[in-house]
Amino acid sequence: MSTATFRTGSLVCFFLLLFFLGTAQVSRKNFQQVFVQAQQLAHRAPDSSIVIGNQLLEYAQSTVEDSLLAKAYYALGYAHYFSGNSLLSNYYYEQVIGAPYVEQHKAFASSIYNNIGINHEVMDNFDLAIDNYLKSILLEEERGNIRGKYLTWINLGILYQKINGLEQAHRYLNGALEYFEAEQDSTSLALCHQNLGTLYIRKNKKDTAFFYNQLALDYYQEQGLFFNYANTLHNIIIGTLSNEDTELASYYFKKVEPRYGQYKDFPVLRASYHLLKGELLVQQGYPHAARAELDQAITAYDSLEIKQSVIQALEYVLMSFVPESEQDAFNAYFRKYTAYNNAIFSNKVAQNLSRAEVAFGVKLLEKDLALKEAQQTAHRRVIQGLGLFLLLLSGSTYTIFRLWRKQLSQNQNLLRLNKELSLKWRLSTNPEKQKGQDLFLLINRAVAEEKLFKDPNLNLDMLAQRIGTNKRYITDALRIHHGQNFNQFVNEFRIEYAKSLLEANPELNTDSLSEEVGFNSRATFYRAFKQFTGLTPGEYVKAGKS
């Protein structure tokens, strides 16, 4: 059979498969078959895979069967990953974490944790990515799946490259390479070669990098794995551009250009293509052409809600300008760049507030458990006291009287504690509590979004006047809903802002930094910085570099 005939036959089969899956009714009998087909389709046509995943979910919800729901959510998480929506992908994966079926099937759980880690890595949530990768590795070791463990090592190697942990990256990738060479696992070896290639580009060892890159590209082309082939090329170009090697970047771009038409079903690859091409054109000195590519990247990443990549694209746009000749356009992009940075800062603050609320809830729960334990202990002591009374009635009246008085005092204390907790519970569920929450959100919005914290003269009177309330209500709202007084609350925003400025520009002068974030004096700034971070500003910068 000729190559053309084979390809035509493959396309016919593919479209017949799409037709069957789009029209067939999902049933208990064919559920597993459709589930597998949905995963196979995700690589080539993620939108169609999402349609099928929704059909699986609709059927699974009608049965309320735990194993079917877990698989339907997994299929949707898998499809949305390939469509480029990491946030929605993780939403579906996390629906089944802790479900009985997942807990009983370690392989399924390991795969979910690994995929959640990949999504967090795409969204630059590196700590969460590492946490989920390690959970996956522990499960693989528990079930004796050494291959799965080393596949996750490859993911950790990729991640550590992103955060400049090149030695950790080399350790993980080299360990995986040794294992897969011994197993003669060609597919996994290609992954090792691909990522060792990008690592050696980062280390500026071009010959070694070229050797590993070519091994990976040859394998992916041979197997017809388009997504892997394109992803490898993109990673190579990222590395060469970071080393400002425009000649080598151009060489690899010539391999990408003919395949751009195949990117239509892969939004992340399309966005990445325009970003990388824009970066290359900036380095080659073609600012207008670069901006056209980068604008497309910004639009694509914005629709995917990958804000960090939007900021990266905007940075290259700003680099492409000669401000003296195009000041207005430069200012417009700079305002957009600042807005995205502020949005990320506000998200971090919101996450911290959410964590504080959860911590407060946990403390209430701990107190409730302590109360129940104390009540049980008191009950046991009463029974013991009565037994002792009956046993020693003749000669122990005075002793028993003392024990009874002591027990009465303990019971009164427990009753008082119970009343206090009951009062707190009623406060947390009544309308006045809701008003307090609304006021707290109003306070937080005024201080964070309007950056009132940057005003060194900000006080309770000014804030009360600004949001139309009085000082006492503000003080109560901060104490109940945040566990802090006014100064602590404002200083937390100032320190978070100072940290973001230091991370962006470690060379900042601390005197100007303290004024910029809203402190009256350098000493007050140092004291607050150490209180919230445990470090001085200088130590914080050194820790970030290391």
Protein backbone atom coordinates (compact mmCIF):
# COMPACT_ATOMS: atom_id res chain seq x y z
CA MET A 1 0.00 0.00 0.00
CA SER A 2 1.34 3.46 -0.91
CA THR A 3 1.89 6.17 1.73
CA ALA A 4 -0.84 8.37 0.20
CA THR A 5 -3.36 5.49 0.25
CA PHE A 6 -2.48 4.68 3.84
CA ARG A 7 -2.97 8.31 4.93
CA THR A 8 -6.32 8.53 3.13
CA GLY A 9 -7.48 5.34 4.83
CA SER A 10 -6.37 6.68 8.22
CA LEU A 11 -8.31 9.91 7.73
CA VAL A 12 -11.46 8.01 6.73
CA CYS A 13 -11.18 5.83 9.86
CA PHE A 14 -10.59 8.92 11.99
CA PHE A 15 -13.71 10.73 10.73
CA LEU A 16 -15.79 7.56 11.04
CA LEU A 17 -14.63 7.36 14.66
CA LEU A 18 -15.67 10.98 15.23
CA PHE A 19 -19.08 10.31 13.67
CA PHE A 20 -19.63 7.21 15.81
CA LEU A 21 -18.64 8.95 19.04
CA GLY A 22 -20.71 12.03 18.26
CA THR A 23 -23.89 10.10 17.59
CA ALA A 24 -23.67 6.95 19.75
CA GLN A 25 -25.41 6.84 23.12
CA VAL A 26 -23.14 6.18 26.09
CA SER A 27 -24.26 3.16 28.10
CA ARG A 28 -22.89 1.04 30.94
CA LYS A 29 -21.89 -1.56 28.39
CA ASN A 30 -19.75 0.72 26.17
CA PHE A 31 -18.65 3.25 28.83
CA GLN A 32 -15.06 1.94 29.16
CA GLN A 33 -14.62 1.78 25.37
CA VAL A 34 -15.79 5.40 24.92
CA PHE A 35 -13.60 6.50 27.87
CA VAL A 36 -10.47 5.05 26.20
CA GLN A 37 -11.41 6.55 22.82
CA ALA A 38 -11.92 9.98 24.39
CA GLN A 39 -8.34 9.87 25.73
CA GLN A 40 -6.91 8.75 22.39
CA LEU A 41 -8.74 11.58 20.63
CA ALA A 42 -7.52 14.28 23.07
CA HIS A 43 -4.06 14.45 21.40
CA ARG A 44 -5.45 15.05 17.90
CA ALA A 45 -8.80 16.78 18.37
CA PRO A 46 -9.21 18.06 21.96
CA ASP A 47 -12.49 19.90 21.23
CA SER A 48 -14.11 16.65 20.04
CA SER A 49 -12.68 14.87 23.09
CA ILE A 50 -14.35 17.48 25.34
CA VAL A 51 -17.72 16.80 23.67
CA ILE A 52 -17.33 13.07 24.34
CA GLY A 53 -16.17 13.75 27.91
CA ASN A 54 -19.36 15.73 28.56
CA GLN A 55 -21.42 12.80 27.22
CA LEU A 56 -19.58 10.47 29.62
CA LEU A 57 -20.18 12.85 32.53
CA GLU A 58 -23.89 13.21 31.73
CA TYR A 59 -24.32 9.44 31.78
CA ALA A 60 -22.17 8.99 34.92
CA GLN A 61 -24.19 11.62 36.81
CA SER A 62 -27.41 9.80 35.94
CA THR A 63 -26.04 6.60 37.53
CA VAL A 64 -24.26 8.30 40.47
CA GLU A 65 -21.70 5.48 40.28
CA ASP A 66 -18.37 6.51 41.81
CA SER A 67 -16.10 4.72 39.31
CA LEU A 68 -17.95 6.15 36.28
CA LEU A 69 -17.92 9.69 37.66
CA ALA A 70 -14.18 9.43 38.35
CA LYS A 71 -13.45 8.32 34.78
CA ALA A 72 -15.72 10.96 33.23
CA TYR A 73 -14.04 13.75 35.21
CA TYR A 74 -10.63 12.32 34.30
CA ALA A 75 -11.52 12.28 30.58
CA LEU A 76 -12.56 15.95 30.74
CA GLY A 77 -9.42 16.92 32.67
CA TYR A 78 -7.29 15.15 30.06
CA ALA A 79 -9.11 16.77 27.10
CA HIS A 80 -8.96 20.29 28.56
CA TYR A 81 -5.21 19.92 29.14
CA PHE A 82 -4.67 19.36 25.40
CA SER A 83 -7.07 22.21 24.56
CA GLY A 84 -4.78 24.51 26.57
CA ASN A 85 -7.12 25.28 29.49
CA SER A 86 -5.01 24.15 32.48
CA LEU A 87 -7.30 25.83 35.01
CA LEU A 88 -10.41 23.97 33.83
CA SER A 89 -8.37 20.77 33.45
CA ASN A 90 -7.38 20.89 37.12
CA TYR A 91 -10.97 21.67 38.12
CA TYR A 92 -12.13 18.36 36.63
CA TYR A 93 -9.18 16.38 38.02
CA GLU A 94 -9.74 17.74 41.52
CA GLN A 95 -13.40 16.65 41.50
CA VAL A 96 -12.29 13.05 42.08
CA ILE A 97 -9.41 13.50 44.55
CA GLY A 98 -10.33 11.56 47.71
CA ALA A 99 -13.18 9.64 46.04
CA PRO A 100 -13.42 5.95 47.10
CA TYR A 101 -12.67 4.67 43.58
CA VAL A 102 -9.53 6.81 43.29
CA GLU A 103 -8.33 5.84 46.78
CA GLN A 104 -8.66 2.15 45.89
CA HIS A 105 -6.94 2.45 42.48
CA LYS A 106 -3.43 3.78 43.09
CA ALA A 107 -2.53 3.89 39.40
CA PHE A 108 -5.50 6.15 38.67
CA ALA A 109 -4.68 8.41 41.65
CA SER A 110 -1.01 8.64 40.65
CA SER A 111 -1.94 9.67 37.12
CA ILE A 112 -4.29 12.38 38.44
CA TYR A 113 -1.65 13.87 40.78
CA ASN A 114 0.91 13.84 37.97
CA ASN A 115 -1.45 15.62 35.56
CA ILE A 116 -2.45 18.19 38.18
CA GLY A 117 1.27 18.85 38.67
CA ILE A 118 1.74 19.42 34.92
CA ASN A 119 -1.15 21.91 34.87
CA HIS A 120 0.22 23.82 37.86
CA GLU A 121 3.60 23.96 36.14
CA VAL A 122 2.00 25.44 32.99
CA MET A 123 0.35 28.09 35.19
CA ASP A 124 3.71 28.81 36.95
CA ASN A 125 2.44 27.49 40.32
CA PHE A 126 5.75 25.70 40.86
CA ASP A 127 5.36 24.84 44.57
CA LEU A 128 1.98 23.18 43.91
CA ALA A 129 3.43 21.37 40.89
CA ILE A 130 6.31 19.89 42.94
CA ASP A 131 3.89 18.90 45.72
CA ASN A 132 1.66 16.96 43.30
CA TYR A 133 4.61 15.34 41.49
CA LEU A 134 5.94 14.04 44.81
CA LYS A 135 2.49 12.64 45.72
CA SER A 136 2.49 10.83 42.37
CA ILE A 137 5.99 9.39 42.98
CA LEU A 138 5.03 8.12 46.45
CA LEU A 139 1.99 6.32 45.02
CA GLU A 140 4.08 4.79 42.19
CA GLU A 141 6.64 3.48 44.72
CA GLU A 142 3.82 2.16 46.90
CA ARG A 143 2.41 0.12 44.01
CA GLY A 144 5.86 -0.91 42.71
CA ASN A 145 5.58 0.94 39.37
CA ILE A 146 9.20 2.01 38.86
CA ARG A 147 8.56 3.16 35.26
CA GLY A 148 5.84 5.58 36.46
CA LYS A 149 8.21 6.92 39.13
CA TYR A 150 10.93 7.76 36.58
CA LEU A 151 8.43 9.32 34.17
CA THR A 152 7.54 11.76 36.95
CA TRP A 153 11.28 12.33 37.49
CA ILE A 154 11.32 13.69 33.92
CA ASN A 155 8.56 16.14 34.87
CA LEU A 156 10.55 17.28 37.89
CA GLY A 157 13.61 17.73 35.65
CA ILE A 158 11.58 19.97 33.33
CA LEU A 159 10.24 22.01 36.24
CA TYR A 160 13.62 22.58 37.88
CA GLN A 161 14.94 23.92 34.57
CA LYS A 162 12.22 26.55 34.65
CA ILE A 163 13.21 27.75 38.13
CA ASN A 164 16.96 27.64 37.36
CA GLY A 165 17.64 24.58 39.48
CA LEU A 166 19.89 23.15 36.76
CA GLU A 167 21.76 20.69 38.98
CA GLN A 168 18.52 19.23 40.40
CA ALA A 169 17.16 19.06 36.84
CA HIS A 170 20.26 17.19 35.65
CA ARG A 171 20.02 14.72 38.55
CA TYR A 172 16.39 13.83 37.81
CA LEU A 173 16.79 13.65 34.01
CA ASN A 174 20.01 11.65 34.15
CA GLY A 175 18.49 9.18 36.63
CA ALA A 176 15.50 8.69 34.31
CA LEU A 177 17.79 8.30 31.28
CA GLU A 178 19.80 5.50 32.95
CA TYR A 179 16.63 3.62 33.89
CA PHE A 180 14.97 3.87 30.45
CA GLU A 181 18.21 2.95 28.64
CA ALA A 182 18.37 -0.24 30.71
CA GLU A 183 14.69 -0.93 29.93
CA GLN A 184 15.13 -0.05 26.22
CA ASP A 185 11.98 2.10 26.42
CA SER A 186 12.22 4.20 23.22
CA THR A 187 9.26 6.52 23.92
CA SER A 188 10.45 7.47 27.39
CA LEU A 189 14.05 7.77 26.16
CA ALA A 190 12.84 10.34 23.62
CA LEU A 191 11.37 12.38 26.49
CA CYS A 192 14.72 12.21 28.33
CA HIS A 193 16.62 13.23 25.17
CA GLN A 194 14.22 16.11 24.54
CA ASN A 195 14.64 17.59 28.01
CA LEU A 196 18.37 16.92 28.32
CA GLY A 197 18.70 18.82 25.04
CA THR A 198 17.03 21.90 26.49
CA LEU A 199 19.07 21.53 29.71
CA TYR A 200 22.38 21.53 27.83
CA ILE A 201 21.24 24.60 25.86
CA ARG A 202 20.77 26.33 29.23
CA LYS A 203 24.26 25.19 30.22
CA ASN A 204 25.57 26.59 26.90
CA LYS A 205 26.91 23.19 25.77
CA LYS A 206 25.73 23.39 22.18
CA ASP A 207 27.21 20.18 20.77
CA THR A 208 25.75 17.99 23.53
CA ALA A 209 22.42 19.82 23.29
CA PHE A 210 22.28 19.34 19.50
CA PHE A 211 22.99 15.60 19.90
CA TYR A 212 20.11 15.03 22.38
CA ASN A 213 17.68 17.33 20.53
CA GLN A 214 18.23 15.53 17.24
CA LEU A 215 17.65 12.11 18.85
CA ALA A 216 14.28 13.30 20.23
CA LEU A 217 13.17 15.04 17.02
CA ASP A 218 14.06 12.03 14.86
CA TYR A 219 12.04 9.71 17.09
CA TYR A 220 8.94 11.94 17.25
CA GLN A 221 8.99 12.48 13.48
CA GLU A 222 9.39 8.76 12.88
CA GLN A 223 6.41 7.95 15.16
CA GLY A 224 4.20 10.77 13.80
CA LEU A 225 3.87 12.36 17.25
CA PHE A 226 3.19 15.91 16.11
CA PHE A 227 2.47 17.48 19.53
CA ASN A 228 5.71 16.10 21.02
CA TYR A 229 7.71 17.13 17.94
CA ALA A 230 6.37 20.70 18.02
CA ASN A 231 6.75 20.98 21.80
CA THR A 232 10.39 19.85 21.55
CA LEU A 233 11.13 22.44 18.86
CA HIS A 234 9.56 25.17 21.00
CA ASN A 235 11.63 24.20 24.05
CA ILE A 236 14.80 24.26 21.94
CA ILE A 237 13.95 27.72 20.60
CA ILE A 238 13.25 29.01 24.13
CA GLY A 239 16.70 27.86 25.22
CA THR A 240 18.54 29.33 22.21
CA LEU A 241 16.74 32.68 22.59
CA SER A 242 17.59 32.84 26.30
CA ASN A 243 21.24 32.47 25.26
CA GLU A 244 20.69 35.16 22.56
CA ASP A 245 21.78 32.68 19.90
CA THR A 246 19.60 34.05 17.09
CA GLU A 247 21.38 32.03 14.42
CA LEU A 248 20.55 28.68 16.06
CA ALA A 249 17.02 29.87 16.93
CA SER A 250 16.44 30.77 13.26
CA TYR A 251 17.67 27.31 12.22
CA TYR A 252 15.06 25.60 14.42
CA PHE A 253 12.33 28.07 13.40
CA LYS A 254 12.74 26.89 9.81
CA LYS A 255 11.65 23.46 11.07
CA VAL A 256 8.60 24.98 12.80
CA GLU A 257 7.27 27.24 10.00
CA PRO A 258 6.01 24.50 7.63
CA ARG A 259 4.02 22.85 10.45
CA TYR A 260 2.22 25.96 11.76
CA GLY A 261 -0.98 24.96 9.94
CA GLN A 262 -1.24 21.89 12.19
CA TYR A 263 -1.44 24.10 15.33
CA LYS A 264 -5.13 24.99 14.90
CA ASP A 265 -6.29 22.46 17.52
CA PHE A 266 -3.54 23.36 20.03
CA PRO A 267 -4.07 26.93 21.38
CA VAL A 268 -1.06 26.79 23.72
CA LEU A 269 1.27 25.82 20.87
CA ARG A 270 -0.14 28.64 18.71
CA ALA A 271 0.40 31.18 21.48
CA SER A 272 3.90 29.86 22.14
CA TYR A 273 4.73 30.04 18.41
CA HIS A 274 3.81 33.75 18.17
CA LEU A 275 5.63 34.58 21.42
CA LEU A 276 8.85 32.86 20.33
CA LYS A 277 8.75 34.35 16.84
CA GLY A 278 8.20 37.80 18.36
CA GLU A 279 11.19 37.32 20.70
CA LEU A 280 13.39 36.25 17.78
CA LEU A 281 12.35 39.28 15.70
CA VAL A 282 13.10 41.60 18.64
CA GLN A 283 16.60 40.13 18.94
CA GLN A 284 17.11 40.40 15.17
CA GLY A 285 16.09 44.08 15.21
CA TYR A 286 12.67 44.00 13.47
CA PRO A 287 10.46 45.80 16.06
CA HIS A 288 7.28 46.29 14.00
CA ALA A 289 7.15 42.69 12.77
CA ALA A 290 7.93 41.54 16.32
CA ARG A 291 5.03 43.54 17.74
CA ALA A 292 2.57 42.00 15.28
CA GLU A 293 3.56 38.50 16.47
CA LEU A 294 3.62 39.45 20.15
CA ASP A 295 0.15 41.04 19.95
CA GLN A 296 -1.20 37.71 18.70
CA ALA A 297 0.57 35.93 21.58
CA ILE A 298 -0.91 38.38 24.13
CA THR A 299 -4.45 37.84 22.80
CA ALA A 300 -4.03 34.05 22.83
CA TYR A 301 -2.51 33.81 26.33
CA ASP A 302 -5.09 36.27 27.68
CA SER A 303 -7.94 34.04 26.43
CA LEU A 304 -6.24 31.05 28.09
CA GLU A 305 -5.79 33.09 31.33
CA ILE A 306 -2.02 32.42 31.43
CA LYS A 307 -1.13 35.86 32.80
CA GLN A 308 2.57 35.20 33.38
CA SER A 309 3.06 34.53 29.66
CA VAL A 310 1.10 37.71 28.82
CA ILE A 311 3.55 39.65 31.00
CA GLN A 312 6.50 37.94 29.26
CA ALA A 313 5.11 38.93 25.84
CA LEU A 314 4.53 42.52 27.03
CA GLU A 315 8.13 42.72 28.28
CA TYR A 316 9.39 41.90 24.79
CA VAL A 317 6.97 44.43 23.27
CA LEU A 318 8.42 47.14 25.54
CA MET A 319 11.95 46.09 24.56
CA SER A 320 11.03 46.58 20.88
CA PHE A 321 10.31 50.30 21.26
CA VAL A 322 12.53 53.34 20.89
CA PRO A 323 10.55 55.41 23.44
CA GLU A 324 11.68 58.79 22.11
CA SER A 325 10.07 58.15 18.72
CA GLU A 326 7.02 56.12 19.79
CA GLN A 327 6.30 57.41 23.28
CA ASP A 328 2.48 57.12 23.18
CA ALA A 329 2.44 53.50 22.00
CA PHE A 330 5.17 52.61 24.51
CA ASN A 331 3.11 54.16 27.35
CA ALA A 332 -0.02 52.23 26.30
CA TYR A 333 1.81 48.89 26.47
CA PHE A 334 3.52 49.87 29.71
CA ARG A 335 0.13 50.60 31.33
CA LYS A 336 -1.11 47.17 30.22
CA TYR A 337 2.08 45.56 31.58
CA THR A 338 1.58 47.29 34.96
CA ALA A 339 -2.09 46.25 35.08
CA TYR A 340 -1.22 42.57 34.60
CA ASN A 341 1.48 42.72 37.28
CA ASN A 342 -0.98 44.35 39.68
CA ALA A 343 -3.58 41.68 38.91
CA ILE A 344 -1.11 38.94 39.83
CA PHE A 345 -0.23 40.81 43.05
CA SER A 346 -3.95 41.13 43.95
CA ASN A 347 -4.44 37.40 43.30
CA LYS A 348 -1.61 36.60 45.71
CA VAL A 349 -3.20 38.80 48.38
CA ALA A 350 -6.59 37.12 47.81
CA GLN A 351 -4.94 33.70 48.19
CA ASN A 352 -3.35 34.80 51.47
CA LEU A 353 -6.72 36.04 52.75
CA SER A 354 -8.35 32.75 51.77
CA ARG A 355 -5.64 30.80 53.62
CA ALA A 356 -6.15 33.00 56.70
CA GLU A 357 -9.90 32.30 56.63
CA VAL A 358 -9.28 28.55 56.40
CA ALA A 359 -6.78 28.73 59.29
CA PHE A 360 -9.38 30.55 61.42
CA GLY A 361 -11.93 27.82 60.63
CA VAL A 362 -9.44 25.14 61.64
CA LYS A 363 -8.82 26.86 64.98
CA LEU A 364 -12.56 26.92 65.71
CA LEU A 365 -12.76 23.23 64.87
CA GLU A 366 -9.82 22.45 67.17
CA LYS A 367 -11.53 24.32 70.02
CA ASP A 368 -14.75 22.40 69.44
CA LEU A 369 -12.86 19.08 69.56
CA ALA A 370 -11.05 20.18 72.74
CA LEU A 371 -14.39 21.02 74.36
CA LYS A 372 -15.86 17.60 73.53
CA GLU A 373 -12.76 15.87 74.88
CA ALA A 374 -12.94 17.90 78.10
CA GLN A 375 -16.63 17.01 78.51
CA GLN A 376 -15.87 13.30 78.10
CA THR A 377 -13.05 13.55 80.65
CA ALA A 378 -15.37 15.32 83.08
CA HIS A 379 -17.99 12.60 82.65
CA ARG A 380 -15.44 9.90 83.44
CA ARG A 381 -14.28 11.78 86.52
CA VAL A 382 -17.87 12.10 87.81
CA ILE A 383 -18.37 8.34 87.50
CA GLN A 384 -15.04 7.70 89.23
CA GLY A 385 -16.02 10.12 92.01
CA LEU A 386 -19.34 8.38 92.57
CA GLY A 387 -17.66 4.98 92.71
CA LEU A 388 -15.15 6.26 95.21
CA PHE A 389 -18.00 7.78 97.27
CA LEU A 390 -19.81 4.43 97.52
CA LEU A 391 -16.58 2.59 98.36
CA LEU A 392 -15.28 4.98 101.00
CA LEU A 393 -18.56 6.39 102.31
CA SER A 394 -17.84 5.57 105.95
CA GLY A 395 -14.55 7.46 106.36
CA SER A 396 -14.20 9.73 103.31
CA THR A 397 -17.07 12.24 103.47
CA TYR A 398 -14.78 15.26 103.64
CA THR A 399 -12.58 14.01 100.81
CA ILE A 400 -15.58 13.35 98.57
CA PHE A 401 -16.96 16.82 99.36
CA ARG A 402 -13.68 18.36 98.17
CA LEU A 403 -13.73 16.28 94.98
CA TRP A 404 -17.33 17.31 94.32
CA ARG A 405 -16.48 21.01 94.70
CA LYS A 406 -13.53 20.64 92.37
CA GLN A 407 -15.69 18.85 89.80
CA LEU A 408 -18.38 21.52 90.09
CA SER A 409 -15.81 24.21 89.35
CA GLN A 410 -14.59 22.29 86.29
CA ASN A 411 -18.14 21.82 85.03
CA GLN A 412 -18.83 25.53 85.44
CA ASN A 413 -15.70 26.33 83.42
CA LEU A 414 -16.78 23.90 80.72
CA LEU A 415 -20.25 25.41 80.65
CA ARG A 416 -18.80 28.90 80.29
CA LEU A 417 -16.49 27.73 77.48
CA ASN A 418 -19.44 26.05 75.76
CA LYS A 419 -21.48 29.28 75.97
CA GLU A 420 -18.57 31.29 74.52
CA LEU A 421 -18.19 28.91 71.57
CA SER A 422 -21.95 28.86 71.03
CA LEU A 423 -21.94 32.66 70.97
CA LYS A 424 -19.12 32.66 68.40
CA TRP A 425 -21.07 30.16 66.30
CA ARG A 426 -24.21 32.31 66.40
CA LEU A 427 -22.16 35.37 65.47
CA SER A 428 -20.64 33.49 62.54
CA THR A 429 -24.08 32.56 61.14
CA ASN A 430 -26.24 35.65 61.83
CA PRO A 431 -26.84 38.61 59.45
CA GLU A 432 -24.61 40.90 61.51
CA LYS A 433 -21.71 38.56 60.80
CA GLN A 434 -22.50 38.82 57.09
CA LYS A 435 -22.42 42.61 57.39
CA GLY A 436 -18.99 42.31 59.01
CA GLN A 437 -17.79 40.12 56.12
CA ASP A 438 -19.11 42.64 53.60
CA LEU A 439 -17.34 45.46 55.44
CA PHE A 440 -14.11 43.46 55.54
CA LEU A 441 -14.28 42.88 51.77
CA LEU A 442 -14.87 46.62 51.30
CA ILE A 443 -11.86 47.44 53.50
CA ASN A 444 -9.69 44.93 51.65
CA ARG A 445 -10.78 46.27 48.24
CA ALA A 446 -10.04 49.88 49.24
CA VAL A 447 -6.61 49.11 50.70
CA ALA A 448 -5.50 46.60 48.03
CA GLU A 449 -7.01 47.72 44.73
CA GLU A 450 -6.74 51.46 45.35
CA LYS A 451 -3.32 50.98 46.98
CA LEU A 452 -4.21 53.13 49.99
CA PHE A 453 -1.47 51.27 51.85
CA LYS A 454 1.13 53.29 49.89
CA ASP A 455 0.04 56.43 51.76
CA PRO A 456 2.37 56.70 54.84
CA ASN A 457 -0.25 58.87 56.61
CA LEU A 458 -3.07 56.34 56.24
CA ASN A 459 -4.94 55.86 59.52
CA LEU A 460 -8.27 54.58 60.80
CA ASP A 461 -9.99 57.96 60.45
CA MET A 462 -8.95 58.32 56.80
CA LEU A 463 -10.04 54.78 55.93
CA ALA A 464 -13.38 55.15 57.76
CA GLN A 465 -14.09 58.38 55.88
CA ARG A 466 -13.04 56.76 52.58
CA ILE A 467 -15.47 53.82 52.82
CA GLY A 468 -18.26 55.61 54.76
CA THR A 469 -18.18 53.90 58.16
CA ASN A 470 -16.61 54.43 61.60
CA LYS A 471 -13.36 53.34 63.23
CA ARG A 472 -14.94 50.86 65.63
CA TYR A 473 -16.65 48.88 62.84
CA ILE A 474 -13.35 48.72 60.91
CA THR A 475 -11.45 47.54 64.01
CA ASP A 476 -14.05 44.84 64.77
CA ALA A 477 -14.16 43.61 61.14
CA LEU A 478 -10.34 43.29 60.99
CA ARG A 479 -10.17 41.51 64.35
CA ILE A 480 -12.97 39.01 63.61
CA HIS A 481 -12.30 38.29 59.92
CA HIS A 482 -8.52 38.69 59.69
CA GLY A 483 -7.22 38.28 63.25
CA GLN A 484 -5.15 41.49 63.02
CA ASN A 485 -5.28 45.10 64.09
CA PHE A 486 -5.31 47.99 61.60
CA ASN A 487 -1.51 48.52 61.52
CA GLN A 488 -0.77 44.82 61.04
CA PHE A 489 -3.36 44.60 58.26
CA VAL A 490 -1.95 47.58 56.32
CA ASN A 491 1.68 46.58 56.90
CA GLU A 492 1.00 43.11 55.45
CA PHE A 493 0.03 44.71 52.12
CA ARG A 494 3.10 46.97 52.26
CA ILE A 495 5.45 44.06 52.86
CA GLU A 496 3.84 41.92 50.10
CA TYR A 497 4.27 44.86 47.70
CA ALA A 498 7.89 45.34 48.86
CA LYS A 499 8.59 41.64 48.24
CA SER A 500 7.21 41.84 44.70
CA LEU A 501 9.37 44.93 43.99
CA LEU A 502 12.50 43.23 45.38
CA GLU A 503 11.84 40.11 43.32
CA ALA A 504 11.48 42.22 40.18
CA ASN A 505 14.53 44.43 40.99
CA PRO A 506 16.85 43.06 43.73
CA GLU A 507 19.11 46.13 43.45
CA LEU A 508 16.45 48.53 44.82
CA ASN A 509 17.65 50.97 47.48
CA THR A 510 15.92 50.15 50.78
CA ASP A 511 15.34 53.82 51.68
CA SER A 512 13.44 54.52 48.48
CA LEU A 513 11.74 51.13 48.75
CA SER A 514 10.40 51.86 52.24
CA GLU A 515 8.92 55.17 51.03
CA GLU A 516 7.49 53.57 47.88
CA VAL A 517 5.53 50.95 49.83
CA GLY A 518 4.18 53.42 52.43
CA PHE A 519 6.49 53.45 55.48
CA ASN A 520 7.48 56.69 57.21
CA SER A 521 10.93 55.47 58.21
CA ARG A 522 13.51 52.89 57.17
CA ALA A 523 13.62 51.43 60.71
CA THR A 524 9.85 50.82 60.80
CA PHE A 525 10.07 49.18 57.38
CA TYR A 526 12.91 46.85 58.50
CA ARG A 527 11.02 45.90 61.66
CA ALA A 528 7.80 45.10 59.76
CA PHE A 529 9.66 43.23 57.00
CA LYS A 530 11.37 40.98 59.54
CA GLN A 531 8.09 40.44 61.42
CA PHE A 532 6.26 39.16 58.31
CA THR A 533 9.09 37.28 56.54
CA GLY A 534 11.55 36.36 59.27
CA LEU A 535 14.28 38.05 57.16
CA THR A 536 15.69 41.52 56.53
CA PRO A 537 15.24 42.88 52.97
CA GLY A 538 18.90 42.08 52.21
CA GLU A 539 18.56 38.51 53.50
CA TYR A 540 15.34 38.10 51.49
CA VAL A 541 17.11 39.15 48.25
CA LYS A 542 20.02 36.76 48.96
CA ALA A 543 17.59 33.90 49.68
CA GLY A 544 15.80 34.59 46.38
CA LYS A 545 19.09 34.51 44.43
CA SER A 546 20.19 31.26 46.05
